[in-house]
Amino acid sequence: MDPKDEFEFYADENNREPAGPPLPNKGNRLSSHVPVRFTPQTIAAVRTLAHREHISVSNWIRRAVSRELDRLAPPQSLGTPGITSTTPESSETFVENEPDVRIA
């Protein structure tokens, strides 16, 4: 469903009723804000790709960083000091020695 179809669908009040109970918050809140600067060309490309996938620019960047961490520090190397680690109760990854830096 593209954004135009979504708008038309939700314009009908009957389609605005919750489909079920709200999903529980699993505590995967993002931690701190990290300012990062990009060239105008890079951010334009990221915006285009994020729009194409119907996700936010921030989510696209978080996902790209997470994939790059997985590529550079594959699961078999997780737990290596100073690289990355995954908490046993979630799939959230955090950078060791920087507990406020998390990648969901």
Protein backbone atom coordinates (compact mmCIF):
# COMPACT_ATOMS: atom_id res chain seq x y z
CA MET A 1 0.00 0.00 0.00
CA ASP A 2 1.55 3.29 -1.01
CA PRO A 3 1.17 6.51 1.05
CA LYS A 4 -1.74 7.75 -1.13
CA ASP A 5 -3.64 4.48 -0.59
CA GLU A 6 -2.90 4.65 3.16
CA PHE A 7 -4.27 8.20 3.31
CA GLU A 8 -7.46 7.17 1.51
CA PHE A 9 -7.84 4.06 3.68
CA TYR A 10 -7.50 5.95 6.96
CA ALA A 11 -9.73 8.81 5.75
CA ASP A 12 -12.60 6.43 6.51
CA GLU A 13 -13.27 6.56 10.27
CA ASN A 14 -14.15 2.85 10.29
CA ASN A 15 -10.53 2.06 9.41
CA ARG A 16 -9.13 3.95 12.40
CA GLU A 17 -10.18 1.44 15.04
CA PRO A 18 -7.30 -0.38 16.74
CA ALA A 19 -6.89 -3.92 15.39
CA GLY A 20 -6.00 -5.25 18.82
CA PRO A 21 -4.26 -4.40 22.06
CA PRO A 22 -1.19 -2.19 21.88
CA LEU A 23 2.14 -3.95 21.51
CA PRO A 24 4.17 -4.07 24.71
CA ASN A 25 7.21 -1.86 24.92
CA LYS A 26 10.19 -4.20 25.08
CA GLY A 27 12.43 -1.53 26.54
CA ASN A 28 14.43 -1.14 23.33
CA ARG A 29 14.55 2.60 23.65
CA LEU A 30 17.23 4.41 21.77
CA SER A 31 19.86 5.95 23.95
CA SER A 32 21.63 9.19 23.21
CA HIS A 33 21.52 11.47 20.21
CA VAL A 34 24.68 11.37 18.09
CA PRO A 35 25.07 14.27 15.65
CA VAL A 36 26.53 13.13 12.34
CA ARG A 37 27.16 15.33 9.31
CA PHE A 38 26.74 14.11 5.74
CA THR A 39 27.45 15.70 2.39
CA PRO A 40 24.32 16.97 0.61
CA GLN A 41 24.72 14.20 -1.98
CA THR A 42 24.90 11.47 0.67
CA ILE A 43 21.86 12.66 2.60
CA ALA A 44 19.89 13.05 -0.65
CA ALA A 45 20.71 9.44 -1.56
CA VAL A 46 19.77 8.24 1.94
CA ARG A 47 16.46 10.15 1.79
CA THR A 48 15.67 8.58 -1.58
CA LEU A 49 16.42 5.06 -0.35
CA ALA A 50 14.55 5.54 2.93
CA HIS A 51 11.51 6.92 1.07
CA ARG A 52 11.63 3.98 -1.32
CA GLU A 53 11.47 1.59 1.65
CA HIS A 54 8.84 3.67 3.51
CA ILE A 55 11.08 4.15 6.54
CA SER A 56 12.55 7.20 8.21
CA VAL A 57 16.01 8.50 7.36
CA SER A 58 17.07 7.82 10.97
CA ASN A 59 15.85 4.24 10.79
CA TRP A 60 17.62 3.73 7.45
CA ILE A 61 20.89 5.02 8.92
CA ARG A 62 20.52 2.88 12.09
CA ARG A 63 19.87 -0.18 9.94
CA ALA A 64 22.89 0.55 7.70
CA VAL A 65 25.15 0.97 10.74
CA SER A 66 23.81 -2.24 12.26
CA ARG A 67 24.44 -4.16 9.04
CA GLU A 68 27.97 -2.78 8.80
CA LEU A 69 28.66 -3.81 12.40
CA ASP A 70 27.37 -7.30 11.62
CA ARG A 71 29.62 -7.41 8.55
CA LEU A 72 32.74 -6.24 10.36
CA ALA A 73 32.04 -8.08 13.60
CA PRO A 74 30.04 -11.18 12.59
CA PRO A 75 28.16 -13.12 15.28
CA GLN A 76 31.08 -15.50 15.92
CA SER A 77 33.23 -12.53 16.98
CA LEU A 78 30.61 -10.95 19.22
CA GLY A 79 31.85 -10.73 22.76
CA THR A 80 35.36 -9.84 21.65
CA PRO A 81 36.41 -6.99 23.94
CA GLY A 82 35.93 -3.59 22.38
CA ILE A 83 33.96 -4.78 19.36
CA THR A 84 30.28 -5.53 19.94
CA SER A 85 28.12 -7.69 22.10
CA THR A 86 24.48 -8.72 22.16
CA THR A 87 22.45 -8.78 25.33
CA PRO A 88 21.03 -12.27 25.99
CA GLU A 89 17.49 -10.98 26.58
CA SER A 90 17.23 -9.08 23.29
CA SER A 91 18.70 -8.78 19.84
CA GLU A 92 19.84 -5.25 20.64
CA THR A 93 23.54 -4.71 20.05
CA PHE A 94 25.64 -2.29 22.04
CA VAL A 95 29.19 -1.07 21.72
CA GLU A 96 31.28 -2.30 24.62
CA ASN A 97 32.78 0.30 26.91
CA GLU A 98 30.03 2.68 25.73
CA PRO A 99 26.81 1.30 27.28
CA ASP A 100 24.77 4.28 26.04
CA VAL A 101 25.50 3.50 22.40
CA ARG A 102 22.96 0.93 21.23
CA ILE A 103 21.95 -0.33 17.84
CA ALA A 104 18.49 -1.86 17.56
